[in-house]
PDB file of N, CA and C in Angstrom:
ATOM      1  N   MET A   1     196.955  16.693 154.623  1.00  0.00           N
ATOM      2  CA  MET A   1     197.290  17.534 153.566  1.00  0.00           C
ATOM      3  C   MET A   1     197.468  16.733 152.291  1.00  0.00           C
ATOM      4  N   HIS A   2     196.782  15.328 152.229  1.00  0.00           N
ATOM      5  CA  HIS A   2     196.955  14.537 151.452  1.00  0.00           C
ATOM      6  C   HIS A   2     195.546  14.676 150.242  1.00  0.00           C
ATOM      7  N   ARG A   3     196.110  14.791 148.969  1.00  0.00           N
ATOM      8  CA  ARG A   3     195.061  15.046 148.148  1.00  0.00           C
ATOM      9  C   ARG A   3     194.499  13.541 148.124  1.00  0.00           C
ATOM     10  N   GLU A   4     193.268  13.512 147.724  1.00  0.00           N
ATOM     11  CA  GLU A   4     192.437  12.073 147.533  1.00  0.00           C
ATOM     12  C   GLU A   4     192.320  12.050 146.057  1.00  0.00           C
ATOM     13  N   ILE A   5     192.685  10.867 145.566  1.00  0.00           N
ATOM     14  CA  ILE A   5     192.479  10.255 144.250  1.00  0.00           C
ATOM     15  C   ILE A   5     191.356   9.539 143.869  1.00  0.00           C
ATOM     16  N   SER A   6     190.662  10.282 142.936  1.00  0.00           N
ATOM     17  CA  SER A   6     189.005   9.951 142.682  1.00  0.00           C
ATOM     18  C   SER A   6     188.906   8.684 142.151  1.00  0.00           C
ATOM     19  N   LYS A   7     188.517   7.496 142.669  1.00  0.00           N
ATOM     20  CA  LYS A   7     188.498   6.456 142.193  1.00  0.00           C
ATOM     21  C   LYS A   7     187.325   5.879 140.881  1.00  0.00           C
ATOM     22  N   THR A   8     186.500   7.037 140.677  1.00  0.00           N
ATOM     23  CA  THR A   8     185.802   7.271 139.618  1.00  0.00           C
ATOM     24  C   THR A   8     185.787   7.588 138.768  1.00  0.00           C
ATOM     25  N   THR A   9     187.107   7.945 138.085  1.00  0.00           N
ATOM     26  CA  THR A   9     187.391   8.944 136.991  1.00  0.00           C
ATOM     27  C   THR A   9     188.521   8.411 136.790  1.00  0.00           C
ATOM     28  N   ALA A  10     188.407   7.150 135.786  1.00  0.00           N
ATOM     29  CA  ALA A  10     190.034   6.535 135.179  1.00  0.00           C
ATOM     30  C   ALA A  10     190.169   7.487 133.922  1.00  0.00           C
ATOM     31  N   PRO A  11     191.620   7.966 133.832  1.00  0.00           N
ATOM     32  CA  PRO A  11     192.175   8.355 132.817  1.00  0.00           C
ATOM     33  C   PRO A  11     191.890   8.354 131.203  1.00  0.00           C
ATOM     34  N   LYS A  12     191.295   8.937 130.557  1.00  0.00           N
ATOM     35  CA  LYS A  12     190.447   8.542 128.981  1.00  0.00           C
ATOM     36  C   LYS A  12     191.651   7.812 128.577  1.00  0.00           C
ATOM     37  N   GLN A  13     191.261   6.674 128.089  1.00  0.00           N
ATOM     38  CA  GLN A  13     192.390   6.074 127.423  1.00  0.00           C
ATOM     39  C   GLN A  13     192.289   6.489 125.916  1.00  0.00           C
ATOM     40  N   PRO A  14     192.881   6.878 124.571  1.00  0.00           N
ATOM     41  CA  PRO A  14     192.660   7.000 123.336  1.00  0.00           C
ATOM     42  C   PRO A  14     192.358   5.944 122.601  1.00  0.00           C
ATOM     43  N   ASP A  15     191.278   6.086 121.632  1.00  0.00           N
ATOM     44  CA  ASP A  15     190.644   5.461 120.719  1.00  0.00           C
ATOM     45  C   ASP A  15     191.101   5.418 119.296  1.00  0.00           C
ATOM     46  N   ASP A  16     191.196   4.285 118.621  1.00  0.00           N
ATOM     47  CA  ASP A  16     191.216   4.734 117.470  1.00  0.00           C
ATOM     48  C   ASP A  16     191.271   5.729 116.632  1.00  0.00           C
ATOM     49  N   ASP A  17     190.443   6.327 116.674  1.00  0.00           N
ATOM     50  CA  ASP A  17     190.041   7.884 116.200  1.00  0.00           C
ATOM     51  C   ASP A  17     191.011   8.940 116.504  1.00  0.00           C
ATOM     52  N   ASP A  18     191.476   8.764 118.337  1.00  0.00           N
ATOM     53  CA  ASP A  18     192.599   9.733 117.899  1.00  0.00           C
ATOM     54  C   ASP A  18     194.213   9.138 117.566  1.00  0.00           C
ATOM     55  N   ILE A  19     194.245   8.127 117.592  1.00  0.00           N
ATOM     56  CA  ILE A  19     195.332   7.351 117.260  1.00  0.00           C
ATOM     57  C   ILE A  19     195.647   7.332 115.439  1.00  0.00           C
ATOM     58  N   ALA A  20     194.595   7.174 115.080  1.00  0.00           N
ATOM     59  CA  ALA A  20     194.671   7.115 114.098  1.00  0.00           C
ATOM     60  C   ALA A  20     195.516   8.335 112.631  1.00  0.00           C
ATOM     61  N   PRO A  21     195.173   9.447 113.243  1.00  0.00           N
ATOM     62  CA  PRO A  21     195.859  10.601 113.184  1.00  0.00           C
ATOM     63  C   PRO A  21     196.862  10.811 112.988  1.00  0.00           C
ATOM     64  N   LEU A  22     197.365  10.626 114.245  1.00  0.00           N
ATOM     65  CA  LEU A  22     198.709  10.613 114.693  1.00  0.00           C
ATOM     66  C   LEU A  22     200.019   9.434 114.514  1.00  0.00           C
ATOM     67  N   LYS A  23     199.125   8.530 113.746  1.00  0.00           N
ATOM     68  CA  LYS A  23     200.656   7.459 113.039  1.00  0.00           C
ATOM     69  C   LYS A  23     200.315   7.723 111.931  1.00  0.00           C
ATOM     70  N   ALA A  24     199.077   8.452 110.713  1.00  0.00           N
ATOM     71  CA  ALA A  24     199.044   8.887 109.598  1.00  0.00           C
ATOM     72  C   ALA A  24     200.597   9.909 109.546  1.00  0.00           C
ATOM     73  N   ARG A  25     200.611  10.692 110.568  1.00  0.00           N
ATOM     74  CA  ARG A  25     201.310  12.120 110.474  1.00  0.00           C
ATOM     75  C   ARG A  25     203.255  10.967 110.742  1.00  0.00           C
ATOM     76  N   ILE A  26     202.830  10.482 111.795  1.00  0.00           N
ATOM     77  CA  ILE A  26     203.959   9.650 111.884  1.00  0.00           C
ATOM     78  C   ILE A  26     204.867   9.155 110.800  1.00  0.00           C
ATOM     79  N   ALA A  27     203.854   8.569 109.810  1.00  0.00           N
ATOM     80  CA  ALA A  27     204.235   7.710 108.758  1.00  0.00           C
ATOM     81  C   ALA A  27     204.513   8.956 107.698  1.00  0.00           C
ATOM     82  N   GLU A  28     203.953  10.215 107.482  1.00  0.00           N
ATOM     83  CA  GLU A  28     204.050  11.347 107.107  1.00  0.00           C
ATOM     84  C   GLU A  28     206.237  11.459 106.932  1.00  0.00           C
ATOM     85  N   LEU A  29     206.167  11.477 108.042  1.00  0.00           N
ATOM     86  CA  LEU A  29     207.184  12.161 108.671  1.00  0.00           C
ATOM     87  C   LEU A  29     208.401  11.134 108.621  1.00  0.00           C
ATOM     88  N   GLU A  30     208.348  10.016 108.678  1.00  0.00           N
ATOM     89  CA  GLU A  30     209.209   9.034 108.131  1.00  0.00           C
ATOM     90  C   GLU A  30     209.522   9.056 106.652  1.00  0.00           C
ATOM     91  N   ALA A  31     208.537   8.946 105.901  1.00  0.00           N
ATOM     92  CA  ALA A  31     208.725   9.215 104.475  1.00  0.00           C
ATOM     93  C   ALA A  31     209.638  10.473 104.300  1.00  0.00           C
ATOM     94  N   GLU A  32     209.346  11.316 104.923  1.00  0.00           N
ATOM     95  CA  GLU A  32     210.265  12.734 104.691  1.00  0.00           C
ATOM     96  C   GLU A  32     211.654  12.603 105.474  1.00  0.00           C
ATOM     97  N   VAL A  33     211.757  11.962 106.290  1.00  0.00           N
ATOM     98  CA  VAL A  33     213.160  11.636 106.564  1.00  0.00           C
ATOM     99  C   VAL A  33     213.982  10.843 105.799  1.00  0.00           C
ATOM    100  N   THR A  34     213.419  10.196 104.821  1.00  0.00           N
ATOM    101  CA  THR A  34     213.856   8.837 104.325  1.00  0.00           C
ATOM    102  C   THR A  34     214.200   9.942 102.752  1.00  0.00           C
ATOM    103  N   ASP A  35     213.441  10.421 102.346  1.00  0.00           N
ATOM    104  CA  ASP A  35     213.658  11.459 101.524  1.00  0.00           C
ATOM    105  C   ASP A  35     215.094  12.051 101.834  1.00  0.00           C
ATOM    106  N   LEU A  36     215.300  13.072 102.880  1.00  0.00           N
ATOM    107  CA  LEU A  36     216.192  13.790 103.026  1.00  0.00           C
ATOM    108  C   LEU A  36     217.439  13.383 103.086  1.00  0.00           C
ATOM    109  N   GLU A  37     217.423  11.631 103.656  1.00  0.00           N
ATOM    110  CA  GLU A  37     218.216  11.111 103.749  1.00  0.00           C
ATOM    111  C   GLU A  37     219.205  10.913 102.305  1.00  0.00           C
ATOM    112  N   ASP A  38     218.170  10.386 101.818  1.00  0.00           N
ATOM    113  CA  ASP A  38     218.481   9.851 100.010  1.00  0.00           C
ATOM    114  C   ASP A  38     219.149  11.722  99.337  1.00  0.00           C
ATOM    115  N   GLU A  39     218.501  12.322  99.755  1.00  0.00           N
ATOM    116  CA  GLU A  39     219.038  13.515  99.249  1.00  0.00           C
ATOM    117  C   GLU A  39     220.274  13.505  99.834  1.00  0.00           C
ATOM    118  N   VAL A  40     220.575  13.830 101.209  1.00  0.00           N
ATOM    119  CA  VAL A  40     221.992  14.053 101.733  1.00  0.00           C
ATOM    120  C   VAL A  40     223.105  13.486 101.240  1.00  0.00           C
ATOM    121  N   SER A  41     222.426  11.709 100.963  1.00  0.00           N
ATOM    122  CA  SER A  41     223.355  10.929  99.715  1.00  0.00           C
ATOM    123  C   SER A  41     223.790  11.337  98.635  1.00  0.00           C
ATOM    124  N   ASP A  42     222.789  12.011  97.727  1.00  0.00           N
ATOM    125  CA  ASP A  42     222.899  12.598  96.558  1.00  0.00           C
ATOM    126  C   ASP A  42     223.752  13.632  96.600  1.00  0.00           C
ATOM    127  N   LEU A  43     223.761  14.335  98.053  1.00  0.00           N
ATOM    128  CA  LEU A  43     224.546  16.303  97.767  1.00  0.00           C
ATOM    129  C   LEU A  43     226.146  15.473  98.336  1.00  0.00           C
ATOM    130  N   GLU A  44     226.316  13.939  98.821  1.00  0.00           N
ATOM    131  CA  GLU A  44     227.452  14.007  99.272  1.00  0.00           C
ATOM    132  C   GLU A  44     227.982  13.026  98.366  1.00  0.00           C
ATOM    133  N   ILE A  45     227.664  12.855  97.452  1.00  0.00           N
ATOM    134  CA  ILE A  45     228.096  11.894  95.993  1.00  0.00           C
ATOM    135  C   ILE A  45     228.349  13.123  94.868  1.00  0.00           C
ATOM    136  N   GLU A  46     227.748  14.267  94.819  1.00  0.00           N
ATOM    137  CA  GLU A  46     227.901  15.363  94.163  1.00  0.00           C
ATOM    138  C   GLU A  46     229.239  16.301  94.509  1.00  0.00           C
ATOM    139  N   LEU A  47     228.908  16.311  96.149  1.00  0.00           N
ATOM    140  CA  LEU A  47     230.453  16.994  96.681  1.00  0.00           C
ATOM    141  C   LEU A  47     231.714  16.133  96.239  1.00  0.00           C
ATOM    142  N   GLU A  48     231.599  15.090  95.896  1.00  0.00           N
ATOM    143  CA  GLU A  48     233.140  14.045  95.919  1.00  0.00           C
ATOM    144  C   GLU A  48     233.240  14.668  94.479  1.00  0.00           C
ATOM    145  N   ALA A  49     232.250  14.659  93.936  1.00  0.00           N
ATOM    146  CA  ALA A  49     232.924  14.630  92.274  1.00  0.00           C
ATOM    147  C   ALA A  49     233.191  16.237  91.861  1.00  0.00           C
ATOM    148  N   VAL A  50     232.625  16.988  92.532  1.00  0.00           N
ATOM    149  CA  VAL A  50     233.455  18.266  92.355  1.00  0.00           C
ATOM    150  C   VAL A  50     234.820  18.545  92.610  1.00  0.00           C
ATOM    151  N   PRO A  51     235.711  18.817  91.705  1.00  0.00           N
ATOM    152  CA  PRO A  51     237.225  18.959  91.088  1.00  0.00           C
ATOM    153  C   PRO A  51     237.659  20.009  92.697  1.00  0.00           C
ATOM    154  N   ASP A  52     238.662  19.648  92.626  1.00  0.00           N
ATOM    155  CA  ASP A  52     239.549  20.913  93.430  1.00  0.00           C
ATOM    156  C   ASP A  52     239.743  21.586  92.784  1.00  0.00           C
ATOM    157  N   PRO A  53     239.751  22.854  93.390  1.00  0.00           N
ATOM    158  CA  PRO A  53     239.968  24.158  92.537  1.00  0.00           C
ATOM    159  C   PRO A  53     241.321  24.337  92.138  1.00  0.00           C
ATOM    160  N   ASP A  54     242.497  23.803  93.881  1.00  0.00           N
ATOM    161  CA  ASP A  54     244.061  24.014  93.235  1.00  0.00           C
ATOM    162  C   ASP A  54     244.526  23.490  92.116  1.00  0.00           C
ATOM    163  N   LEU A  55     243.642  22.032  91.910  1.00  0.00           N
ATOM    164  CA  LEU A  55     243.867  20.991  90.664  1.00  0.00           C
ATOM    165  C   LEU A  55     243.372  21.684  89.797  1.00  0.00           C
ATOM    166  N   LEU A  56     242.199  22.337  89.143  1.00  0.00           N
ATOM    167  CA  LEU A  56     242.340  23.425  88.176  1.00  0.00           C
ATOM    168  C   LEU A  56     242.948  24.213  87.901  1.00  0.00           C
ATOM    169  N   ALA A  57     243.485  24.777  88.957  1.00  0.00           N
ATOM    170  CA  ALA A  57     244.634  26.296  88.943  1.00  0.00           C
ATOM    171  C   ALA A  57     245.624  25.249  88.473  1.00  0.00           C
ATOM    172  N   ASP A  58     246.088  24.115  88.927  1.00  0.00           N
ATOM    173  CA  ASP A  58     247.390  23.690  88.231  1.00  0.00           C
ATOM    174  C   ASP A  58     247.151  23.403  87.221  1.00  0.00           C
ATOM    175  N   ILE A  59     246.271  22.671  86.520  1.00  0.00           N
ATOM    176  CA  ILE A  59     246.090  22.244  85.446  1.00  0.00           C
ATOM    177  C   ILE A  59     245.922  23.275  84.278  1.00  0.00           C
ATOM    178  N   ARG A  60     245.150  24.341  84.863  1.00  0.00           N
ATOM    179  CA  ARG A  60     245.054  25.858  83.889  1.00  0.00           C
ATOM    180  C   ARG A  60     246.574  26.216  83.156  1.00  0.00           C
ATOM    181  N   SER A  61     247.473  26.175  84.481  1.00  0.00           N
ATOM    182  CA  SER A  61     248.771  26.623  84.353  1.00  0.00           C
ATOM    183  C   SER A  61     249.682  25.583  83.551  1.00  0.00           C
ATOM    184  N   ASP A  62     249.701  24.412  83.725  1.00  0.00           N
ATOM    185  CA  ASP A  62     250.341  23.524  83.184  1.00  0.00           C
ATOM    186  C   ASP A  62     249.798  23.886  81.473  1.00  0.00           C
ATOM    187  N   LEU A  63     248.855  24.008  81.110  1.00  0.00           N
ATOM    188  CA  LEU A  63     248.015  24.387  80.167  1.00  0.00           C
ATOM    189  C   LEU A  63     248.829  25.899  79.313  1.00  0.00           C
ATOM    190  N   GLU A  64     249.274  26.446  80.105  1.00  0.00           N
ATOM    191  CA  GLU A  64     249.458  27.985  79.879  1.00  0.00           C
ATOM    192  C   GLU A  64     250.852  27.829  79.672  1.00  0.00           C
ATOM    193  N   GLN A  65     251.298  27.248  80.477  1.00  0.00           N
ATOM    194  CA  GLN A  65     253.199  26.793  80.074  1.00  0.00           C
ATOM    195  C   GLN A  65     253.024  26.106  78.802  1.00  0.00           C
ATOM    196  N   GLY A  66     252.204  25.380  78.090  1.00  0.00           N
ATOM    197  CA  GLY A  66     252.335  24.702  77.465  1.00  0.00           C
ATOM    198  C   GLY A  66     252.814  23.140  77.532  1.00  0.00           C
ATOM    199  N   ASP A  67     252.623  22.963  78.697  1.00  0.00           N
ATOM    200  CA  ASP A  67     252.806  20.924  79.358  1.00  0.00           C
ATOM    201  C   ASP A  67     251.554  20.444  79.279  1.00  0.00           C
ATOM    202  N   VAL A  68     250.981  20.526  77.812  1.00  0.00           N
ATOM    203  CA  VAL A  68     250.100  19.665  77.599  1.00  0.00           C
ATOM    204  C   VAL A  68     249.906  18.276  78.445  1.00  0.00           C
ATOM    205  N   GLU A  69     250.976  17.577  78.177  1.00  0.00           N
ATOM    206  CA  GLU A  69     251.568  16.196  78.622  1.00  0.00           C
ATOM    207  C   GLU A  69     250.762  15.825  80.298  1.00  0.00           C
ATOM    208  N   TYR A  70     251.684  17.122  81.004  1.00  0.00           N
ATOM    209  CA  TYR A  70     251.255  16.773  82.577  1.00  0.00           C
ATOM    210  C   TYR A  70     250.236  17.444  82.831  1.00  0.00           C
ATOM    211  N   ALA A  71     249.419  18.329  81.858  1.00  0.00           N
ATOM    212  CA  ALA A  71     248.291  18.331  82.336  1.00  0.00           C
ATOM    213  C   ALA A  71     247.126  17.101  82.473  1.00  0.00           C
ATOM    214  N   LEU A  72     247.228  16.628  81.079  1.00  0.00           N
ATOM    215  CA  LEU A  72     246.662  15.153  81.142  1.00  0.00           C
ATOM    216  C   LEU A  72     246.892  13.903  82.378  1.00  0.00           C
ATOM    217  N   VAL A  73     248.053  14.144  82.292  1.00  0.00           N
ATOM    218  CA  VAL A  73     248.722  13.293  83.885  1.00  0.00           C
ATOM    219  C   VAL A  73     247.435  13.694  84.699  1.00  0.00           C
ATOM    220  N   ARG A  74     247.652  15.466  84.964  1.00  0.00           N
ATOM    221  CA  ARG A  74     246.968  15.441  86.112  1.00  0.00           C
ATOM    222  C   ARG A  74     245.198  15.458  86.331  1.00  0.00           C
ATOM    223  N   ILE A  75     245.081  15.125  84.594  1.00  0.00           N
ATOM    224  CA  ILE A  75     243.412  15.067  84.450  1.00  0.00           C
ATOM    225  C   ILE A  75     242.905  13.604  84.888  1.00  0.00           C
ATOM    226  N   GLY A  76     244.117  12.440  84.252  1.00  0.00           N
ATOM    227  CA  GLY A  76     243.748  11.625  84.614  1.00  0.00           C
ATOM    228  C   GLY A  76     243.702  11.064  85.792  1.00  0.00           C
ATOM    229  N   ARG A  77     244.560  11.900  86.603  1.00  0.00           N
ATOM    230  CA  ARG A  77     244.736  11.384  88.007  1.00  0.00           C
ATOM    231  C   ARG A  77     243.624  11.679  89.107  1.00  0.00           C
ATOM    232  N   ALA A  78     242.686  12.891  88.345  1.00  0.00           N
ATOM    233  CA  ALA A  78     241.902  13.793  88.772  1.00  0.00           C
ATOM    234  C   ALA A  78     240.851  12.363  88.460  1.00  0.00           C
ATOM    235  N   ILE A  79     240.636  11.986  87.755  1.00  0.00           N
ATOM    236  CA  ILE A  79     239.298  10.865  87.167  1.00  0.00           C
ATOM    237  C   ILE A  79     239.399   9.519  87.243  1.00  0.00           C
ATOM    238  N   GLY A  80     240.840   9.142  88.300  1.00  0.00           N
ATOM    239  CA  GLY A  80     241.321   7.865  88.606  1.00  0.00           C
ATOM    240  C   GLY A  80     242.009   6.842  87.468  1.00  0.00           C
ATOM    241  N   TRP A  81     242.257   8.010  86.494  1.00  0.00           N
ATOM    242  CA  TRP A  81     242.896   6.807  85.635  1.00  0.00           C
ATOM    243  C   TRP A  81     244.240   6.247  85.910  1.00  0.00           C
ATOM    244  N   CYS A  82     244.859   7.235  86.533  1.00  0.00           N
ATOM    245  CA  CYS A  82     245.966   6.706  87.375  1.00  0.00           C
ATOM    246  C   CYS A  82     246.559   6.388  88.075  1.00  0.00           C
TER     247      CYS A  82
END
């Protein structure tokens, strides 16, 4: 019940015409991945720059209570001045 493997038929070897489109597509996908990685980095930077909503509420509360000095201290800390 063994199948005999034909010795006359060799597997088709890919030629340059078969490989070139695949290499081009790989290059396109690699470029897309690089662009996406850059976009993720940019979004992470933007996310870090978003102010904390609790901090904004605290600053607003300070200003409503007339405590401008403390509000400025909070703002300074938020932007790294203090």
